Amino acid sequence: MKELDRITIDSNVMAGKPCVRGLRVTVSMIAGLQKAGRTSAEILEAYPYLEKEDLEQVAEVARRDSIEVD
């Protein structure tokens, strides 16, 4: 099982929703973009502070868990 070290949960950030590296970018928001067919390049262009590994871990969480997308 791959370690998800880029996915964080902090009750003080985005009301405790899983986020990417403590940023105010929720896993569900990025998973929603991925589900809508946005490419990694498109997401990284829109959110330049994210990294490819962040997107890979979000996709892993989406595969493992049933998450609601924003």
PDB file of N, CA and C in Angstrom:
ATOM      1  N   MET A   1       0.850  -1.170   0.000  1.00  0.00           N
ATOM      2  CA  MET A   1       0.000   0.000   0.000  1.00  0.00           C
ATOM      3  C   MET A   1       0.902   1.242   0.000  1.00  0.00           C
ATOM      4  N   LYS A   2       0.625   2.151  -0.883  1.00  0.00           N
ATOM      5  CA  LYS A   2       1.411   3.364  -1.019  1.00  0.00           C
ATOM      6  C   LYS A   2       1.108   4.329   0.127  1.00  0.00           C
ATOM      7  N   GLU A   3       2.163   4.918   0.678  1.00  0.00           N
ATOM      8  CA  GLU A   3       1.988   5.905   1.743  1.00  0.00           C
ATOM      9  C   GLU A   3       1.465   7.215   1.147  1.00  0.00           C
ATOM     10  N   LEU A   4       0.488   7.785   1.816  1.00  0.00           N
ATOM     11  CA  LEU A   4      -0.121   9.034   1.352  1.00  0.00           C
ATOM     12  C   LEU A   4       0.378  10.181   2.219  1.00  0.00           C
ATOM     13  N   ASP A   5       1.635  10.535   2.054  1.00  0.00           N
ATOM     14  CA  ASP A   5       2.251  11.551   2.891  1.00  0.00           C
ATOM     15  C   ASP A   5       1.933  12.976   2.458  1.00  0.00           C
ATOM     16  N   ARG A   6       1.266  13.141   1.341  1.00  0.00           N
ATOM     17  CA  ARG A   6       0.910  14.484   0.856  1.00  0.00           C
ATOM     18  C   ARG A   6      -0.542  14.846   1.176  1.00  0.00           C
ATOM     19  N   ILE A   7      -1.274  13.917   1.730  1.00  0.00           N
ATOM     20  CA  ILE A   7      -2.669  14.158   2.096  1.00  0.00           C
ATOM     21  C   ILE A   7      -2.710  14.413   3.600  1.00  0.00           C
ATOM     22  N   THR A   8      -3.221  15.568   3.981  1.00  0.00           N
ATOM     23  CA  THR A   8      -3.240  15.952   5.390  1.00  0.00           C
ATOM     24  C   THR A   8      -4.662  16.251   5.853  1.00  0.00           C
ATOM     25  N   ILE A   9      -4.863  16.062   7.137  1.00  0.00           N
ATOM     26  CA  ILE A   9      -6.145  16.415   7.765  1.00  0.00           C
ATOM     27  C   ILE A   9      -5.814  17.230   9.001  1.00  0.00           C
ATOM     28  N   ASP A  10      -6.340  18.449   9.031  1.00  0.00           N
ATOM     29  CA  ASP A  10      -6.112  19.369  10.144  1.00  0.00           C
ATOM     30  C   ASP A  10      -7.434  20.081  10.410  1.00  0.00           C
ATOM     31  N   SER A  11      -7.925  19.958  11.616  1.00  0.00           N
ATOM     32  CA  SER A  11      -9.226  20.562  11.938  1.00  0.00           C
ATOM     33  C   SER A  11      -9.226  22.072  11.742  1.00  0.00           C
ATOM     34  N   ASN A  12      -8.056  22.693  11.684  1.00  0.00           N
ATOM     35  CA  ASN A  12      -7.961  24.146  11.492  1.00  0.00           C
ATOM     36  C   ASN A  12      -7.855  24.563  10.030  1.00  0.00           C
ATOM     37  N   VAL A  13      -7.811  23.597   9.135  1.00  0.00           N
ATOM     38  CA  VAL A  13      -7.688  23.888   7.700  1.00  0.00           C
ATOM     39  C   VAL A  13      -8.872  23.257   6.974  1.00  0.00           C
ATOM     40  N   MET A  14      -9.657  24.078   6.309  1.00  0.00           N
ATOM     41  CA  MET A  14     -10.814  23.624   5.519  1.00  0.00           C
ATOM     42  C   MET A  14     -11.744  22.704   6.323  1.00  0.00           C
ATOM     43  N   ALA A  15     -11.967  23.079   7.570  1.00  0.00           N
ATOM     44  CA  ALA A  15     -12.897  22.373   8.457  1.00  0.00           C
ATOM     45  C   ALA A  15     -12.560  20.887   8.609  1.00  0.00           C
ATOM     46  N   GLY A  16     -11.283  20.565   8.511  1.00  0.00           N
ATOM     47  CA  GLY A  16     -10.866  19.185   8.712  1.00  0.00           C
ATOM     48  C   GLY A  16     -11.004  18.269   7.517  1.00  0.00           C
ATOM     49  N   LYS A  17     -11.372  18.815   6.358  1.00  0.00           N
ATOM     50  CA  LYS A  17     -11.446  17.987   5.157  1.00  0.00           C
ATOM     51  C   LYS A  17     -10.036  17.601   4.727  1.00  0.00           C
ATOM     52  N   PRO A  18      -9.864  16.422   4.142  1.00  0.00           N
ATOM     53  CA  PRO A  18      -8.542  16.053   3.635  1.00  0.00           C
ATOM     54  C   PRO A  18      -8.068  17.060   2.589  1.00  0.00           C
ATOM     55  N   CYS A  19      -6.830  17.515   2.757  1.00  0.00           N
ATOM     56  CA  CYS A  19      -6.249  18.522   1.875  1.00  0.00           C
ATOM     57  C   CYS A  19      -4.915  18.026   1.327  1.00  0.00           C
ATOM     58  N   VAL A  20      -4.418  18.750   0.365  1.00  0.00           N
ATOM     59  CA  VAL A  20      -3.119  18.459  -0.211  1.00  0.00           C
ATOM     60  C   VAL A  20      -2.067  19.274   0.536  1.00  0.00           C
ATOM     61  N   ARG A  21      -1.155  18.592   1.206  1.00  0.00           N
ATOM     62  CA  ARG A  21      -0.014  19.190   1.906  1.00  0.00           C
ATOM     63  C   ARG A  21      -0.383  20.360   2.816  1.00  0.00           C
ATOM     64  N   GLY A  22      -1.527  20.307   3.445  1.00  0.00           N
ATOM     65  CA  GLY A  22      -1.920  21.363   4.372  1.00  0.00           C
ATOM     66  C   GLY A  22      -2.384  22.644   3.700  1.00  0.00           C
ATOM     67  N   LEU A  23      -2.400  22.642   2.378  1.00  0.00           N
ATOM     68  CA  LEU A  23      -2.887  23.802   1.635  1.00  0.00           C
ATOM     69  C   LEU A  23      -4.406  23.842   1.706  1.00  0.00           C
ATOM     70  N   ARG A  24      -4.974  24.934   1.332  1.00  0.00           N
ATOM     71  CA  ARG A  24      -6.435  25.050   1.304  1.00  0.00           C
ATOM     72  C   ARG A  24      -6.979  24.556  -0.033  1.00  0.00           C
ATOM     73  N   VAL A  25      -6.501  23.397  -0.400  1.00  0.00           N
ATOM     74  CA  VAL A  25      -6.933  22.709  -1.623  1.00  0.00           C
ATOM     75  C   VAL A  25      -7.383  21.324  -1.183  1.00  0.00           C
ATOM     76  N   THR A  26      -8.689  21.084  -1.268  1.00  0.00           N
ATOM     77  CA  THR A  26      -9.201  19.810  -0.763  1.00  0.00           C
ATOM     78  C   THR A  26      -8.997  18.686  -1.775  1.00  0.00           C
ATOM     79  N   VAL A  27      -8.865  17.498  -1.213  1.00  0.00           N
ATOM     80  CA  VAL A  27      -8.753  16.299  -2.032  1.00  0.00           C
ATOM     81  C   VAL A  27      -9.994  16.162  -2.900  1.00  0.00           C
ATOM     82  N   SER A  28     -11.155  16.430  -2.341  1.00  0.00           N
ATOM     83  CA  SER A  28     -12.395  16.268  -3.102  1.00  0.00           C
ATOM     84  C   SER A  28     -12.476  17.238  -4.282  1.00  0.00           C
ATOM     85  N   MET A  29     -11.927  18.437  -4.131  1.00  0.00           N
ATOM     86  CA  MET A  29     -11.950  19.399  -5.238  1.00  0.00           C
ATOM     87  C   MET A  29     -11.071  18.909  -6.391  1.00  0.00           C
ATOM     88  N   ILE A  30      -9.869  18.468  -6.080  1.00  0.00           N
ATOM     89  CA  ILE A  30      -8.966  17.985  -7.122  1.00  0.00           C
ATOM     90  C   ILE A  30      -9.499  16.692  -7.724  1.00  0.00           C
ATOM     91  N   ALA A  31     -10.048  15.816  -6.892  1.00  0.00           N
ATOM     92  CA  ALA A  31     -10.636  14.580  -7.410  1.00  0.00           C
ATOM     93  C   ALA A  31     -11.790  14.891  -8.355  1.00  0.00           C
ATOM     94  N   GLY A  32     -12.553  15.931  -8.045  1.00  0.00           N
ATOM     95  CA  GLY A  32     -13.646  16.346  -8.928  1.00  0.00           C
ATOM     96  C   GLY A  32     -13.140  16.808 -10.282  1.00  0.00           C
ATOM     97  N   LEU A  33     -12.044  17.548 -10.285  1.00  0.00           N
ATOM     98  CA  LEU A  33     -11.446  17.982 -11.557  1.00  0.00           C
ATOM     99  C   LEU A  33     -10.953  16.776 -12.357  1.00  0.00           C
ATOM    100  N   GLN A  34     -10.315  15.834 -11.656  1.00  0.00           N
ATOM    101  CA  GLN A  34      -9.834  14.629 -12.331  1.00  0.00           C
ATOM    102  C   GLN A  34     -11.005  13.827 -12.897  1.00  0.00           C
ATOM    103  N   LYS A  35     -12.050  13.689 -12.111  1.00  0.00           N
ATOM    104  CA  LYS A  35     -13.229  12.935 -12.563  1.00  0.00           C
ATOM    105  C   LYS A  35     -13.895  13.610 -13.752  1.00  0.00           C
ATOM    106  N   ALA A  36     -13.837  14.939 -13.805  1.00  0.00           N
ATOM    107  CA  ALA A  36     -14.436  15.698 -14.906  1.00  0.00           C
ATOM    108  C   ALA A  36     -13.593  15.620 -16.180  1.00  0.00           C
ATOM    109  N   GLY A  37     -12.426  14.976 -16.076  1.00  0.00           N
ATOM    110  CA  GLY A  37     -11.607  14.789 -17.270  1.00  0.00           C
ATOM    111  C   GLY A  37     -10.482  15.791 -17.452  1.00  0.00           C
ATOM    112  N   ARG A  38     -10.256  16.635 -16.451  1.00  0.00           N
ATOM    113  CA  ARG A  38      -9.145  17.577 -16.550  1.00  0.00           C
ATOM    114  C   ARG A  38      -7.832  16.795 -16.500  1.00  0.00           C
ATOM    115  N   THR A  39      -6.907  17.182 -17.327  1.00  0.00           N
ATOM    116  CA  THR A  39      -5.612  16.510 -17.335  1.00  0.00           C
ATOM    117  C   THR A  39      -4.748  17.046 -16.197  1.00  0.00           C
ATOM    118  N   SER A  40      -3.712  16.289 -15.880  1.00  0.00           N
ATOM    119  CA  SER A  40      -2.773  16.750 -14.854  1.00  0.00           C
ATOM    120  C   SER A  40      -2.173  18.089 -15.249  1.00  0.00           C
ATOM    121  N   ALA A  41      -1.830  18.243 -16.516  1.00  0.00           N
ATOM    122  CA  ALA A  41      -1.240  19.500 -16.987  1.00  0.00           C
ATOM    123  C   ALA A  41      -2.203  20.667 -16.774  1.00  0.00           C
ATOM    124  N   GLU A  42      -3.483  20.463 -17.041  1.00  0.00           N
ATOM    125  CA  GLU A  42      -4.472  21.525 -16.845  1.00  0.00           C
ATOM    126  C   GLU A  42      -4.598  21.894 -15.368  1.00  0.00           C
ATOM    127  N   ILE A  43      -4.624  20.880 -14.514  1.00  0.00           N
ATOM    128  CA  ILE A  43      -4.758  21.141 -13.077  1.00  0.00           C
ATOM    129  C   ILE A  43      -3.513  21.847 -12.550  1.00  0.00           C
ATOM    130  N   LEU A  44      -2.340  21.391 -12.977  1.00  0.00           N
ATOM    131  CA  LEU A  44      -1.099  22.012 -12.515  1.00  0.00           C
ATOM    132  C   LEU A  44      -0.952  23.433 -13.025  1.00  0.00           C
ATOM    133  N   GLU A  45      -1.492  23.707 -14.179  1.00  0.00           N
ATOM    134  CA  GLU A  45      -1.462  25.079 -14.699  1.00  0.00           C
ATOM    135  C   GLU A  45      -2.378  25.984 -13.874  1.00  0.00           C
ATOM    136  N   ALA A  46      -3.541  25.451 -13.521  1.00  0.00           N
ATOM    137  CA  ALA A  46      -4.502  26.235 -12.733  1.00  0.00           C
ATOM    138  C   ALA A  46      -4.053  26.400 -11.278  1.00  0.00           C
ATOM    139  N   TYR A  47      -3.316  25.439 -10.772  1.00  0.00           N
ATOM    140  CA  TYR A  47      -2.843  25.441  -9.385  1.00  0.00           C
ATOM    141  C   TYR A  47      -1.329  25.198  -9.397  1.00  0.00           C
ATOM    142  N   PRO A  48      -0.541  26.216  -9.737  1.00  0.00           N
ATOM    143  CA  PRO A  48       0.902  26.026  -9.922  1.00  0.00           C
ATOM    144  C   PRO A  48       1.666  25.614  -8.662  1.00  0.00           C
ATOM    145  N   TYR A  49       1.060  25.765  -7.504  1.00  0.00           N
ATOM    146  CA  TYR A  49       1.706  25.366  -6.256  1.00  0.00           C
ATOM    147  C   TYR A  49       1.532  23.880  -5.970  1.00  0.00           C
ATOM    148  N   LEU A  50       0.742  23.181  -6.788  1.00  0.00           N
ATOM    149  CA  LEU A  50       0.621  21.732  -6.667  1.00  0.00           C
ATOM    150  C   LEU A  50       1.717  21.069  -7.484  1.00  0.00           C
ATOM    151  N   GLU A  51       1.980  19.821  -7.157  1.00  0.00           N
ATOM    152  CA  GLU A  51       2.990  19.036  -7.856  1.00  0.00           C
ATOM    153  C   GLU A  51       2.364  17.750  -8.380  1.00  0.00           C
ATOM    154  N   LYS A  52       3.010  17.155  -9.345  1.00  0.00           N
ATOM    155  CA  LYS A  52       2.512  15.922  -9.964  1.00  0.00           C
ATOM    156  C   LYS A  52       2.228  14.847  -8.907  1.00  0.00           C
ATOM    157  N   GLU A  53       3.111  14.726  -7.928  1.00  0.00           N
ATOM    158  CA  GLU A  53       2.931  13.725  -6.865  1.00  0.00           C
ATOM    159  C   GLU A  53       1.669  13.990  -6.055  1.00  0.00           C
ATOM    160  N   ASP A  54       1.301  15.252  -5.895  1.00  0.00           N
ATOM    161  CA  ASP A  54       0.054  15.589  -5.200  1.00  0.00           C
ATOM    162  C   ASP A  54      -1.139  14.998  -5.949  1.00  0.00           C
ATOM    163  N   LEU A  55      -1.144  15.188  -7.252  1.00  0.00           N
ATOM    164  CA  LEU A  55      -2.258  14.689  -8.071  1.00  0.00           C
ATOM    165  C   LEU A  55      -2.313  13.168  -8.056  1.00  0.00           C
ATOM    166  N   GLU A  56      -1.162  12.529  -8.059  1.00  0.00           N
ATOM    167  CA  GLU A  56      -1.120  11.067  -8.011  1.00  0.00           C
ATOM    168  C   GLU A  56      -1.715  10.552  -6.710  1.00  0.00           C
ATOM    169  N   GLN A  57      -1.394  11.222  -5.605  1.00  0.00           N
ATOM    170  CA  GLN A  57      -1.931  10.779  -4.324  1.00  0.00           C
ATOM    171  C   GLN A  57      -3.425  11.058  -4.205  1.00  0.00           C
ATOM    172  N   VAL A  58      -3.890  12.163  -4.754  1.00  0.00           N
ATOM    173  CA  VAL A  58      -5.329  12.419  -4.776  1.00  0.00           C
ATOM    174  C   VAL A  58      -6.041  11.315  -5.557  1.00  0.00           C
ATOM    175  N   ALA A  59      -5.504  10.950  -6.706  1.00  0.00           N
ATOM    176  CA  ALA A  59      -6.102   9.877  -7.509  1.00  0.00           C
ATOM    177  C   ALA A  59      -6.107   8.558  -6.737  1.00  0.00           C
ATOM    178  N   GLU A  60      -5.053   8.300  -5.975  1.00  0.00           N
ATOM    179  CA  GLU A  60      -4.983   7.082  -5.156  1.00  0.00           C
ATOM    180  C   GLU A  60      -6.071   7.084  -4.091  1.00  0.00           C
ATOM    181  N   VAL A  61      -6.260   8.217  -3.430  1.00  0.00           N
ATOM    182  CA  VAL A  61      -7.320   8.333  -2.420  1.00  0.00           C
ATOM    183  C   VAL A  61      -8.686   8.104  -3.074  1.00  0.00           C
ATOM    184  N   ALA A  62      -8.895   8.679  -4.230  1.00  0.00           N
ATOM    185  CA  ALA A  62     -10.179   8.526  -4.930  1.00  0.00           C
ATOM    186  C   ALA A  62     -10.419   7.064  -5.300  1.00  0.00           C
ATOM    187  N   ARG A  63      -9.372   6.354  -5.659  1.00  0.00           N
ATOM    188  CA  ARG A  63      -9.526   4.928  -5.981  1.00  0.00           C
ATOM    189  C   ARG A  63      -9.829   4.106  -4.739  1.00  0.00           C
ATOM    190  N   ARG A  64      -9.188   4.428  -3.636  1.00  0.00           N
ATOM    191  CA  ARG A  64      -9.331   3.656  -2.398  1.00  0.00           C
ATOM    192  C   ARG A  64     -10.646   3.930  -1.682  1.00  0.00           C
ATOM    193  N   ASP A  65     -11.006   5.196  -1.638  1.00  0.00           N
ATOM    194  CA  ASP A  65     -12.134   5.620  -0.793  1.00  0.00           C
ATOM    195  C   ASP A  65     -13.266   6.137  -1.661  1.00  0.00           C
ATOM    196  N   SER A  66     -14.424   6.049  -1.091  1.00  0.00           N
ATOM    197  CA  SER A  66     -15.577   6.647  -1.734  1.00  0.00           C
ATOM    198  C   SER A  66     -15.664   8.082  -1.205  1.00  0.00           C
ATOM    199  N   ILE A  67     -15.229   9.038  -2.021  1.00  0.00           N
ATOM    200  CA  ILE A  67     -15.241  10.424  -1.565  1.00  0.00           C
ATOM    201  C   ILE A  67     -16.194  11.240  -2.408  1.00  0.00           C
ATOM    202  N   GLU A  68     -16.837  12.189  -1.754  1.00  0.00           N
ATOM    203  CA  GLU A  68     -17.683  13.134  -2.491  1.00  0.00           C
ATOM    204  C   GLU A  68     -16.776  14.172  -3.121  1.00  0.00           C
ATOM    205  N   VAL A  69     -17.081  14.518  -4.347  1.00  0.00           N
ATOM    206  CA  VAL A  69     -16.276  15.525  -5.022  1.00  0.00           C
ATOM    207  C   VAL A  69     -16.976  16.870  -4.970  1.00  0.00           C
ATOM    208  N   ASP A  70     -16.163  17.931  -4.833  1.00  0.00           N
ATOM    209  CA  ASP A  70     -16.706  19.294  -4.785  1.00  0.00           C
ATOM    210  C   ASP A  70     -16.936  19.795  -6.193  1.00  0.00           C
TER     211      ASP A  70
END
